[in-house]
Amino acid sequence: MKRSVEERNWLEQRNVIVCRCEDVTLEEIRRAIAQGATTLDELKRLLRVGMGPCQGRTCRELLARELAEHLGKPVAEIMPPTFRPPAKPVKLGLLSRMVENAPRGDEGSSLEGGESR
């Protein structure tokens, strides 16, 4: 069965991975937008895009362009998603060293959840 160039392009595009961290395809993003998602935060909540290790550094721009195209707005008018600290990944070893180097004794509350005495 021969497919038209347009149909082949559509089939190839729908399997394009936009958010590599969460393995979200362009087709999933377009479906969420077609079902009413109008902000990056809504896409984030529906599809987990931008919530992986890169925190959206890879896909945020692509998502904004896709939303802008669908909404007929310039990309600059697409509101950036909300961020919650840490905005950058933190290695667990760093946190572990902080606990190891924390003062011990009756010097206030501990990092391990104890209360001050």
N, C-alpha and C. Protein backbone atom coordinates (compact mmCIF):
# COMPACT_ATOMS: atom_id res chain seq x y z
N MET A 1 0.84 -1.18 0.00
CA MET A 1 0.00 0.00 0.00
C MET A 1 0.88 1.24 0.00
N LYS A 2 0.74 2.07 -1.00
CA LYS A 2 1.51 3.31 -1.09
C LYS A 2 0.80 4.41 -0.32
N ARG A 3 1.61 5.15 0.41
CA ARG A 3 1.07 6.28 1.17
C ARG A 3 1.55 7.57 0.54
N SER A 4 0.72 8.60 0.66
CA SER A 4 1.10 9.91 0.15
C SER A 4 2.20 10.49 1.03
N VAL A 5 2.91 11.48 0.51
CA VAL A 5 3.96 12.15 1.27
C VAL A 5 3.38 12.79 2.52
N GLU A 6 2.21 13.40 2.38
CA GLU A 6 1.55 14.04 3.52
C GLU A 6 1.22 13.02 4.61
N GLU A 7 0.70 11.86 4.21
CA GLU A 7 0.36 10.82 5.17
C GLU A 7 1.61 10.26 5.84
N ARG A 8 2.69 10.07 5.09
CA ARG A 8 3.95 9.59 5.67
C ARG A 8 4.51 10.59 6.67
N ASN A 9 4.46 11.89 6.32
CA ASN A 9 4.93 12.93 7.23
C ASN A 9 4.12 12.93 8.52
N TRP A 10 2.81 12.78 8.39
CA TRP A 10 1.94 12.75 9.56
C TRP A 10 2.28 11.55 10.45
N LEU A 11 2.46 10.38 9.84
CA LEU A 11 2.80 9.19 10.61
C LEU A 11 4.14 9.34 11.32
N GLU A 12 5.11 9.93 10.64
CA GLU A 12 6.42 10.14 11.25
C GLU A 12 6.34 11.15 12.38
N GLN A 13 5.61 12.23 12.20
CA GLN A 13 5.51 13.28 13.21
C GLN A 13 4.83 12.81 14.48
N ARG A 14 3.81 11.98 14.35
CA ARG A 14 3.06 11.61 15.55
C ARG A 14 3.88 10.79 16.52
N ASN A 15 4.95 10.15 16.05
CA ASN A 15 5.80 9.35 16.92
C ASN A 15 7.04 10.08 17.38
N VAL A 16 7.16 11.35 17.04
CA VAL A 16 8.31 12.13 17.46
C VAL A 16 8.24 12.36 18.97
N ILE A 17 9.33 12.05 19.65
CA ILE A 17 9.39 12.27 21.10
C ILE A 17 9.75 13.74 21.34
N VAL A 18 8.91 14.45 22.06
CA VAL A 18 9.15 15.85 22.39
C VAL A 18 9.79 15.95 23.77
N CYS A 19 9.23 15.26 24.74
CA CYS A 19 9.78 15.24 26.10
C CYS A 19 10.48 13.90 26.29
N ARG A 20 11.80 13.92 26.16
CA ARG A 20 12.57 12.68 26.27
C ARG A 20 12.56 12.11 27.67
N CYS A 21 12.57 12.97 28.67
CA CYS A 21 12.61 12.49 30.05
C CYS A 21 11.37 11.68 30.41
N GLU A 22 10.22 12.11 29.94
CA GLU A 22 8.96 11.46 30.28
C GLU A 22 8.39 10.66 29.09
N ASP A 23 9.13 10.62 27.98
CA ASP A 23 8.76 9.82 26.81
C ASP A 23 7.38 10.21 26.27
N VAL A 24 7.17 11.51 26.06
CA VAL A 24 5.89 12.03 25.57
C VAL A 24 6.04 12.41 24.10
N THR A 25 5.11 11.94 23.29
CA THR A 25 5.19 12.18 21.84
C THR A 25 4.44 13.45 21.43
N LEU A 26 4.75 13.90 20.23
CA LEU A 26 4.06 15.05 19.65
C LEU A 26 2.58 14.76 19.52
N GLU A 27 2.22 13.54 19.17
CA GLU A 27 0.81 13.17 19.04
C GLU A 27 0.09 13.32 20.38
N GLU A 28 0.70 12.89 21.48
CA GLU A 28 0.08 13.02 22.80
C GLU A 28 -0.12 14.49 23.17
N ILE A 29 0.87 15.31 22.84
CA ILE A 29 0.79 16.74 23.14
C ILE A 29 -0.33 17.38 22.32
N ARG A 30 -0.38 17.08 21.04
CA ARG A 30 -1.43 17.65 20.19
C ARG A 30 -2.81 17.18 20.63
N ARG A 31 -2.92 15.94 21.08
CA ARG A 31 -4.21 15.43 21.55
C ARG A 31 -4.65 16.19 22.81
N ALA A 32 -3.71 16.42 23.74
CA ALA A 32 -4.04 17.16 24.97
C ALA A 32 -4.48 18.59 24.64
N ILE A 33 -3.81 19.21 23.68
CA ILE A 33 -4.17 20.58 23.27
C ILE A 33 -5.56 20.57 22.62
N ALA A 34 -5.81 19.58 21.78
CA ALA A 34 -7.12 19.48 21.12
C ALA A 34 -8.24 19.24 22.13
N GLN A 35 -7.90 18.61 23.27
CA GLN A 35 -8.91 18.34 24.29
C GLN A 35 -9.06 19.51 25.27
N GLY A 36 -8.32 20.61 25.03
CA GLY A 36 -8.55 21.81 25.83
C GLY A 36 -7.39 22.37 26.61
N ALA A 37 -6.24 21.72 26.63
CA ALA A 37 -5.09 22.28 27.34
C ALA A 37 -4.63 23.56 26.63
N THR A 38 -4.49 24.65 27.38
CA THR A 38 -4.13 25.93 26.77
C THR A 38 -2.89 26.57 27.40
N THR A 39 -2.31 25.90 28.41
CA THR A 39 -1.11 26.44 29.05
C THR A 39 -0.07 25.35 29.22
N LEU A 40 1.17 25.78 29.44
CA LEU A 40 2.24 24.81 29.69
C LEU A 40 2.00 24.07 31.00
N ASP A 41 1.43 24.75 31.99
CA ASP A 41 1.12 24.09 33.26
C ASP A 41 0.08 22.98 33.08
N GLU A 42 -0.91 23.22 32.24
CA GLU A 42 -1.92 22.18 31.99
C GLU A 42 -1.28 20.97 31.30
N LEU A 43 -0.42 21.22 30.33
CA LEU A 43 0.27 20.10 29.67
C LEU A 43 1.13 19.35 30.67
N LYS A 44 1.77 20.09 31.55
CA LYS A 44 2.63 19.50 32.58
C LYS A 44 1.81 18.58 33.49
N ARG A 45 0.65 19.05 33.90
CA ARG A 45 -0.20 18.25 34.79
C ARG A 45 -0.80 17.03 34.09
N LEU A 46 -1.15 17.20 32.84
CA LEU A 46 -1.77 16.09 32.09
C LEU A 46 -0.77 15.04 31.63
N LEU A 47 0.40 15.49 31.18
CA LEU A 47 1.34 14.58 30.52
C LEU A 47 2.68 14.41 31.24
N ARG A 48 2.91 15.18 32.30
CA ARG A 48 4.18 15.17 33.03
C ARG A 48 5.34 15.74 32.21
N VAL A 49 5.06 16.45 31.13
CA VAL A 49 6.14 17.06 30.35
C VAL A 49 6.85 18.10 31.22
N GLY A 50 8.16 18.14 31.11
CA GLY A 50 8.93 19.10 31.89
C GLY A 50 9.14 18.71 33.33
N MET A 51 8.80 17.48 33.70
CA MET A 51 8.94 17.07 35.09
C MET A 51 10.05 16.03 35.29
N GLY A 52 10.78 15.74 34.23
CA GLY A 52 11.86 14.77 34.33
C GLY A 52 13.14 15.40 34.82
N PRO A 53 14.24 14.68 34.69
CA PRO A 53 15.53 15.17 35.17
C PRO A 53 15.96 16.53 34.60
N CYS A 54 15.58 16.83 33.36
CA CYS A 54 16.03 18.11 32.76
C CYS A 54 15.11 19.27 33.16
N GLN A 55 14.00 18.98 33.84
CA GLN A 55 13.06 20.01 34.30
C GLN A 55 12.54 20.89 33.16
N GLY A 56 12.37 20.32 31.98
CA GLY A 56 11.80 21.05 30.86
C GLY A 56 12.80 21.82 30.01
N ARG A 57 14.07 21.74 30.34
CA ARG A 57 15.06 22.49 29.55
C ARG A 57 15.09 22.04 28.09
N THR A 58 14.73 20.77 27.85
CA THR A 58 14.75 20.24 26.49
C THR A 58 13.45 20.49 25.74
N CYS A 59 12.32 20.33 26.42
CA CYS A 59 11.04 20.35 25.72
C CYS A 59 10.23 21.63 25.88
N ARG A 60 10.54 22.47 26.84
CA ARG A 60 9.71 23.65 27.12
C ARG A 60 9.50 24.52 25.88
N GLU A 61 10.56 24.78 25.15
CA GLU A 61 10.47 25.62 23.94
C GLU A 61 9.57 24.98 22.87
N LEU A 62 9.71 23.67 22.69
CA LEU A 62 8.89 22.95 21.71
C LEU A 62 7.42 22.96 22.11
N LEU A 63 7.16 22.79 23.39
CA LEU A 63 5.78 22.82 23.88
C LEU A 63 5.17 24.21 23.68
N ALA A 64 5.93 25.23 23.98
CA ALA A 64 5.43 26.60 23.82
C ALA A 64 5.11 26.89 22.35
N ARG A 65 5.96 26.43 21.46
CA ARG A 65 5.69 26.64 20.02
C ARG A 65 4.43 25.91 19.58
N GLU A 66 4.24 24.70 20.06
CA GLU A 66 3.06 23.92 19.69
C GLU A 66 1.79 24.60 20.21
N LEU A 67 1.83 25.06 21.44
CA LEU A 67 0.68 25.79 22.01
C LEU A 67 0.41 27.08 21.24
N ALA A 68 1.46 27.85 20.97
CA ALA A 68 1.31 29.12 20.26
C ALA A 68 0.68 28.91 18.89
N GLU A 69 1.13 27.88 18.20
CA GLU A 69 0.58 27.60 16.87
C GLU A 69 -0.91 27.26 16.96
N HIS A 70 -1.27 26.43 17.93
CA HIS A 70 -2.67 26.03 18.08
C HIS A 70 -3.56 27.20 18.51
N LEU A 71 -3.04 28.05 19.40
CA LEU A 71 -3.83 29.17 19.92
C LEU A 71 -3.77 30.40 19.04
N GLY A 72 -2.90 30.40 18.03
CA GLY A 72 -2.76 31.56 17.16
C GLY A 72 -2.13 32.76 17.84
N LYS A 73 -1.22 32.50 18.77
CA LYS A 73 -0.54 33.56 19.50
C LYS A 73 0.96 33.50 19.21
N PRO A 74 1.67 34.60 19.45
CA PRO A 74 3.12 34.53 19.38
C PRO A 74 3.65 33.71 20.57
N VAL A 75 4.77 33.06 20.40
CA VAL A 75 5.36 32.24 21.46
C VAL A 75 5.62 33.09 22.71
N ALA A 76 5.97 34.36 22.52
CA ALA A 76 6.26 35.24 23.66
C ALA A 76 5.05 35.41 24.58
N GLU A 77 3.84 35.17 24.09
CA GLU A 77 2.64 35.32 24.91
C GLU A 77 2.27 34.05 25.68
N ILE A 78 2.99 32.97 25.44
CA ILE A 78 2.74 31.73 26.17
C ILE A 78 3.43 31.84 27.52
N MET A 79 2.65 31.75 28.59
CA MET A 79 3.18 31.90 29.94
C MET A 79 4.10 30.72 30.28
N PRO A 80 5.25 31.02 30.87
CA PRO A 80 6.14 29.92 31.27
C PRO A 80 5.49 29.11 32.40
N PRO A 81 5.87 27.85 32.51
CA PRO A 81 5.28 27.03 33.57
C PRO A 81 5.80 27.44 34.94
N THR A 82 5.09 27.03 35.98
CA THR A 82 5.55 27.30 37.33
C THR A 82 6.71 26.36 37.66
N PHE A 83 7.58 26.82 38.54
CA PHE A 83 8.71 26.01 38.97
C PHE A 83 8.65 25.86 40.47
N ARG A 84 9.06 24.72 40.94
CA ARG A 84 9.18 24.49 42.37
C ARG A 84 10.61 24.08 42.65
N PRO A 85 11.20 24.64 43.69
CA PRO A 85 12.59 24.28 44.00
C PRO A 85 12.71 22.79 44.27
N PRO A 86 13.79 22.14 43.95
CA PRO A 86 14.91 22.72 43.23
C PRO A 86 14.61 22.77 41.75
N ALA A 87 14.92 23.90 41.13
CA ALA A 87 14.70 24.06 39.70
C ALA A 87 15.77 23.31 38.91
N LYS A 88 16.88 23.01 39.57
CA LYS A 88 17.93 22.21 38.95
C LYS A 88 18.05 20.92 39.74
N PRO A 89 18.37 19.83 39.06
CA PRO A 89 18.53 18.57 39.79
C PRO A 89 19.64 18.67 40.84
N VAL A 90 19.41 18.04 41.98
CA VAL A 90 20.40 18.02 43.06
C VAL A 90 20.80 16.56 43.27
N LYS A 91 22.10 16.31 43.27
CA LYS A 91 22.58 14.94 43.48
C LYS A 91 22.38 14.55 44.93
N LEU A 92 21.94 13.31 45.14
CA LEU A 92 21.68 12.84 46.49
C LEU A 92 22.95 12.83 47.34
N GLY A 93 24.10 12.59 46.71
CA GLY A 93 25.36 12.60 47.45
C GLY A 93 25.61 13.95 48.11
N LEU A 94 25.23 15.03 47.44
CA LEU A 94 25.40 16.37 48.00
C LEU A 94 24.53 16.52 49.25
N LEU A 95 23.29 16.08 49.17
CA LEU A 95 22.40 16.14 50.33
C LEU A 95 22.92 15.26 51.46
N SER A 96 23.45 14.11 51.12
CA SER A 96 24.01 13.20 52.12
C SER A 96 25.16 13.85 52.86
N ARG A 97 26.04 14.53 52.13
CA ARG A 97 27.18 15.21 52.77
C ARG A 97 26.69 16.32 53.69
N MET A 98 25.59 16.98 53.32
CA MET A 98 25.05 18.04 54.18
C MET A 98 24.62 17.46 55.52
N VAL A 99 23.99 16.28 55.50
CA VAL A 99 23.55 15.64 56.74
C VAL A 99 24.76 15.21 57.55
N GLU A 100 25.77 14.64 56.88
CA GLU A 100 26.98 14.18 57.57
C GLU A 100 27.72 15.34 58.23
N ASN A 101 27.71 16.50 57.62
CA ASN A 101 28.45 17.66 58.14
C ASN A 101 27.62 18.55 59.06
N ALA A 102 26.37 18.18 59.29
CA ALA A 102 25.49 18.99 60.13
C ALA A 102 25.96 18.92 61.58
N PRO A 103 25.82 20.01 62.34
CA PRO A 103 26.19 19.99 63.76
C PRO A 103 25.34 18.99 64.53
N ARG A 104 25.94 18.36 65.49
CA ARG A 104 25.23 17.37 66.32
C ARG A 104 24.98 17.95 67.70
N GLY A 105 24.07 17.36 68.43
CA GLY A 105 23.87 17.75 69.82
C GLY A 105 22.62 18.60 70.01
N ASP A 106 22.66 19.39 71.04
CA ASP A 106 21.49 20.19 71.42
C ASP A 106 21.50 21.55 70.77
N GLU A 107 21.98 21.66 69.57
CA GLU A 107 22.09 22.95 68.89
C GLU A 107 20.89 23.21 67.99
N GLY A 108 19.70 22.97 68.45
CA GLY A 108 18.52 23.19 67.62
C GLY A 108 18.03 21.89 67.02
N SER A 109 17.17 22.01 66.07
CA SER A 109 16.59 20.81 65.45
C SER A 109 17.59 20.19 64.48
N SER A 110 17.51 18.89 64.33
CA SER A 110 18.40 18.19 63.42
C SER A 110 17.78 18.13 62.03
N LEU A 111 18.59 17.80 61.04
CA LEU A 111 18.08 17.65 59.68
C LEU A 111 17.28 16.37 59.52
N GLU A 112 17.33 15.50 60.51
CA GLU A 112 16.66 14.21 60.42
C GLU A 112 15.26 14.24 60.97
N GLY A 113 14.75 15.42 61.28
CA GLY A 113 13.35 15.55 61.67
C GLY A 113 13.13 15.67 63.17
N GLY A 114 14.21 15.70 63.97
CA GLY A 114 14.06 15.85 65.42
C GLY A 114 13.68 17.28 65.76
N GLU A 115 13.14 17.45 66.96
CA GLU A 115 12.75 18.79 67.41
C GLU A 115 13.82 19.36 68.31
N SER A 116 13.87 20.66 68.40
CA SER A 116 14.84 21.28 69.28
C SER A 116 14.44 21.04 70.72
N ARG A 117 15.47 20.98 71.59
CA ARG A 117 15.22 20.66 73.00
C ARG A 117 15.26 21.89 73.83
